[in-house]
Protein backbone atom coordinates (compact mmCIF):
# COMPACT_ATOMS: atom_id res chain seq x y z
CA MET A 1 38.64 7.88 137.37
CA LYS A 2 39.86 6.65 133.98
CA LYS A 3 38.76 10.02 132.45
CA PHE A 4 40.29 11.98 135.10
CA LEU A 5 43.60 10.43 134.45
CA LEU A 6 43.45 10.72 130.80
CA MET A 7 42.83 14.42 131.24
CA ALA A 8 45.73 14.79 133.51
CA VAL A 9 48.22 13.06 131.30
CA VAL A 10 46.99 15.16 128.42
CA ALA A 11 47.65 18.44 130.30
CA VAL A 12 51.03 17.19 131.39
CA ALA A 13 52.05 16.51 127.72
CA CYS A 14 50.44 19.93 126.78
CA ALA A 15 52.61 21.70 129.32
CA MET A 16 55.84 19.66 128.41
CA THR A 17 55.22 20.67 124.69
CA ALA A 18 54.57 24.26 125.43
CA TRP A 19 57.90 24.23 127.78
CA ALA A 20 59.89 22.70 124.85
CA ALA A 21 58.60 25.29 122.34
CA ASP A 22 59.39 28.02 124.63
CA GLY A 23 63.00 26.65 125.17
CA ASP A 24 63.70 26.02 121.46
CA LYS A 25 66.56 28.23 120.24
CA LEU A 26 65.36 30.58 117.40
CA VAL A 27 66.96 32.79 114.91
CA ALA A 28 65.64 34.70 111.83
CA LEU A 29 67.75 35.05 108.87
CA THR A 30 66.79 38.17 106.93
CA PHE A 31 67.84 39.86 103.85
CA ASP A 32 68.06 43.37 102.52
CA ASP A 33 67.86 45.57 99.23
CA GLY A 34 66.00 43.11 96.81
CA PRO A 35 64.43 41.66 95.08
CA ASN A 36 66.46 40.78 91.78
CA THR A 37 66.37 37.80 89.32
CA THR A 38 69.87 36.89 90.10
CA THR A 39 71.29 36.95 93.98
CA THR A 40 67.60 36.83 95.62
CA VAL A 41 67.11 33.48 93.45
CA GLU A 42 70.44 32.06 94.55
CA VAL A 43 69.65 32.76 98.31
CA LEU A 44 65.97 31.01 97.68
CA ASP A 45 68.08 28.14 96.18
CA VAL A 46 70.17 27.90 99.38
CA LEU A 47 67.19 28.20 101.73
CA LYS A 48 65.36 25.33 99.62
CA GLU A 49 68.36 23.13 99.71
CA ASN A 50 68.55 23.18 103.46
CA GLY A 51 64.67 23.21 104.16
CA VAL A 52 64.66 26.51 105.86
CA VAL A 53 62.95 30.01 105.59
CA ALA A 54 63.79 33.60 105.89
CA THR A 55 62.45 37.13 105.56
CA PHE A 56 63.34 39.47 103.01
CA PHE A 57 63.15 43.16 103.56
CA LEU A 58 62.45 44.76 100.07
CA CYS A 59 62.85 47.97 98.31
CA GLY A 60 59.57 48.94 96.51
CA LYS A 61 61.17 50.21 93.47
CA GLU A 62 62.81 47.06 92.94
CA ILE A 63 59.52 45.16 92.64
CA ASP A 64 58.33 44.71 88.91
CA ALA A 65 57.24 42.47 86.33
CA SER A 66 60.57 40.80 86.38
CA THR A 67 60.95 40.17 90.16
CA ARG A 68 57.22 39.49 91.14
CA PRO A 69 57.87 35.75 90.18
CA VAL A 70 60.61 35.64 92.37
CA LEU A 71 58.61 37.09 95.35
CA LYS A 72 56.08 34.60 94.68
CA ARG A 73 58.49 31.76 94.74
CA ALA A 74 59.74 33.26 98.24
CA VAL A 75 56.21 33.04 99.36
CA ALA A 76 55.60 29.58 98.13
CA GLN A 77 58.72 28.34 100.08
CA GLY A 78 57.35 29.93 103.29
CA CYS A 79 59.36 33.11 103.54
CA GLU A 80 57.93 36.42 104.52
CA LEU A 81 58.14 39.61 102.66
CA GLU A 82 58.65 42.91 104.66
CA ASN A 83 59.32 46.63 104.34
CA HIS A 84 62.75 48.34 103.49
CA SER A 85 61.27 51.51 102.08
CA ARG A 86 60.52 52.28 98.27
CA SER A 87 63.88 54.11 97.37
CA HIS A 88 66.28 53.11 99.88
CA SER A 89 67.08 56.76 100.73
CA HIS A 90 68.01 58.70 103.93
CA MET A 91 64.62 58.87 105.68
CA GLY A 92 65.81 60.60 108.53
CA GLU A 93 66.19 63.68 106.42
CA MET A 94 62.44 63.58 105.18
CA ALA A 95 59.44 65.12 106.22
CA ALA A 96 56.52 62.84 107.73
CA ASP A 97 54.34 62.94 104.47
CA LYS A 98 57.56 61.68 102.41
CA ILE A 99 58.21 59.06 105.12
CA GLY A 100 54.61 57.93 104.69
CA MET A 101 54.84 57.59 100.86
CA GLU A 102 58.08 55.62 100.84
CA VAL A 103 56.71 53.12 103.34
CA ASN A 104 53.13 52.95 102.11
CA PHE A 105 54.02 52.37 98.57
CA THR A 106 56.30 49.39 99.34
CA SER A 107 53.49 47.96 101.71
CA HIS A 108 51.00 48.17 98.86
CA VAL A 109 53.06 46.08 96.35
CA ILE A 110 54.01 43.57 99.07
CA LYS A 111 50.36 43.00 99.65
CA GLN A 112 49.54 43.02 96.13
CA VAL A 113 52.30 40.22 95.55
CA SER A 114 52.04 38.33 98.83
CA GLY A 115 48.34 38.91 100.06
CA ARG A 116 49.49 39.91 103.42
CA MET A 117 50.58 43.38 104.62
CA PRO A 118 54.00 43.63 105.87
CA GLN A 119 54.44 44.10 109.87
CA PHE A 120 58.09 44.95 110.14
CA PHE A 121 60.08 47.55 108.77
CA ARG A 122 63.83 47.95 108.47
CA ALA A 123 65.35 51.75 108.05
CA PRO A 124 67.81 52.08 105.05
CA TYR A 125 71.10 52.68 106.42
CA MET A 126 69.49 51.92 109.93
CA GLU A 127 68.78 55.43 110.35
CA ALA A 128 65.73 55.87 112.51
CA ASN A 129 64.58 59.05 114.59
CA ASP A 130 61.45 60.09 116.56
CA LEU A 131 59.47 61.18 113.54
CA MET A 132 59.97 57.68 111.52
CA HIS A 133 58.83 55.86 114.60
CA GLN A 134 55.80 58.31 115.05
CA THR A 135 54.94 58.00 111.41
CA ILE A 136 55.37 54.20 110.50
CA ASP A 137 52.71 51.56 111.60
CA LEU A 138 55.20 48.86 111.62
CA THR A 139 57.73 47.47 114.05
CA PHE A 140 61.40 48.36 113.53
CA VAL A 141 63.92 45.81 113.24
CA GLY A 142 67.52 45.76 112.98
CA GLY A 143 69.54 42.71 113.63
CA ILE A 144 73.08 41.15 113.77
CA ASN A 145 75.41 43.04 111.31
CA VAL A 146 77.94 40.58 109.95
CA LYS A 147 79.43 43.37 107.30
CA ASP A 148 78.13 41.18 104.27
CA TRP A 149 77.56 44.34 102.41
CA GLU A 150 81.33 45.24 102.34
CA ALA A 151 82.99 43.71 99.52
CA THR A 152 86.27 43.12 101.22
CA VAL A 153 84.71 40.81 103.85
CA SER A 154 85.19 37.18 102.39
CA ALA A 155 82.41 34.50 102.70
CA ALA A 156 84.34 32.82 105.39
CA ASP A 157 84.68 36.09 107.50
CA ARG A 158 80.61 36.70 107.16
CA SER A 159 80.19 33.19 108.36
CA ARG A 160 82.63 33.76 111.28
CA ASN A 161 81.11 37.14 112.06
CA LEU A 162 77.72 35.55 112.47
CA LEU A 163 78.40 32.36 114.24
CA SER A 164 80.79 33.97 116.91
CA GLN A 165 77.99 36.14 118.15
CA VAL A 166 74.63 34.59 117.31
CA LYS A 167 72.47 33.81 120.23
CA ASP A 168 68.73 32.66 120.81
CA GLY A 169 66.22 35.40 119.46
CA ASP A 170 68.49 36.99 117.28
CA ILE A 171 67.74 38.61 113.95
CA VAL A 172 70.60 38.31 111.47
CA LEU A 173 71.09 41.28 108.91
CA LEU A 174 72.15 39.98 105.41
CA HIS A 175 71.98 41.31 101.87
CA ASP A 176 70.76 39.84 98.78
CA PHE A 177 71.56 42.84 96.60
CA GLU A 178 72.67 41.89 93.07
CA GLY A 179 76.17 40.59 92.79
CA ASN A 180 76.47 39.77 96.69
CA SER A 181 77.45 36.11 95.85
CA ALA A 182 79.95 36.18 98.90
CA THR A 183 76.86 35.81 101.17
CA VAL A 184 75.31 33.29 99.22
CA GLU A 185 78.31 31.21 99.49
CA ALA A 186 78.43 32.08 103.21
CA LEU A 187 74.94 30.59 103.82
CA LYS A 188 76.31 27.21 102.59
CA THR A 189 78.14 27.20 106.05
CA ILE A 190 75.92 29.31 108.43
CA ILE A 191 72.87 27.57 107.87
CA PRO A 192 74.07 23.86 108.62
CA GLU A 193 76.08 25.15 111.27
CA LEU A 194 73.19 26.93 112.93
CA LYS A 195 71.29 23.67 112.60
CA LYS A 196 74.01 21.74 114.09
CA GLN A 197 74.05 24.11 117.20
CA GLY A 198 70.48 23.48 117.84
CA TYR A 199 68.64 26.47 116.19
CA THR A 200 65.64 26.38 114.26
CA LEU A 201 65.29 29.04 111.63
CA VAL A 202 61.98 30.76 111.48
CA THR A 203 60.50 34.29 109.77
CA VAL A 204 60.72 37.40 111.92
CA SER A 205 57.03 36.99 112.64
CA GLU A 206 57.15 33.45 113.74
CA LEU A 207 60.18 34.54 115.83
CA PHE A 208 57.69 36.76 117.84
CA LYS A 209 55.11 34.68 117.80
CA GLN A 210 56.96 31.51 119.08
CA LYS A 211 58.76 33.51 121.62
CA GLY A 212 55.48 35.00 122.96
CA VAL A 213 56.56 38.54 122.44
CA SER A 214 53.85 41.26 120.96
CA PRO A 215 55.88 44.06 119.49
CA VAL A 216 53.84 47.60 119.35
CA PRO A 217 54.44 49.99 116.69
CA HIS A 218 55.78 53.39 117.75
CA SER A 219 57.41 52.00 120.66
CA LYS A 220 60.94 53.53 119.38
CA ILE A 221 62.18 50.05 119.80
CA THR A 222 64.52 48.69 116.94
CA TYR A 223 64.56 44.93 117.72
CA ASN A 224 67.98 43.36 116.85
CA ASN A 225 66.83 40.47 119.21
CA VAL A 226 63.42 39.59 119.93
CA TYR A 227 63.85 40.03 123.64
CA ASP A 228 65.25 43.84 123.32
CA LYS A 229 63.53 46.11 125.39
């Protein structure tokens, strides 16, 4: 009888834990166009100071001897490295073989640096067509666009743009290209405020995993939120 009661208590506790995890408010911060040895490093500094992780969508042409240590640091901090093409060109104008070369090059160098193959792809300029979806064996993601690539948008406005629309399951589109210091400054407001609102910041793969969503490549979906259909 005691053994039965113990098993029942454990089952209830597990069910409560599962319910709590499923009910967590999760968001994934992501950064495009790196890596580099300036802004990417500054972003990593802010992430470390706040004890959170993010996902970096990388351009393969930017991964070299100078930036590999930055990426290794990102991985060591628990961040994730994903694919943003090799050259950041207009891929909607490319033939299938050129699309494959753009993506495969970057996936290969990411595997060299991190030890894992990318799972996700963000199209340069957010331009994705049927041929790209057919050719690329990765899940396409977009995200909340806070216009942080525009120099005229202040750090305060970037924070407001994000915080005014963020919701559970969102992927947030930011940029760590060289010189984008306003986004670094905005993060100092964004991260504490998200925490204050009850959000847990996770990587993109963790977002899908913890929400119990299994994205399928070639589905023609570009996920801005984990629940997109």
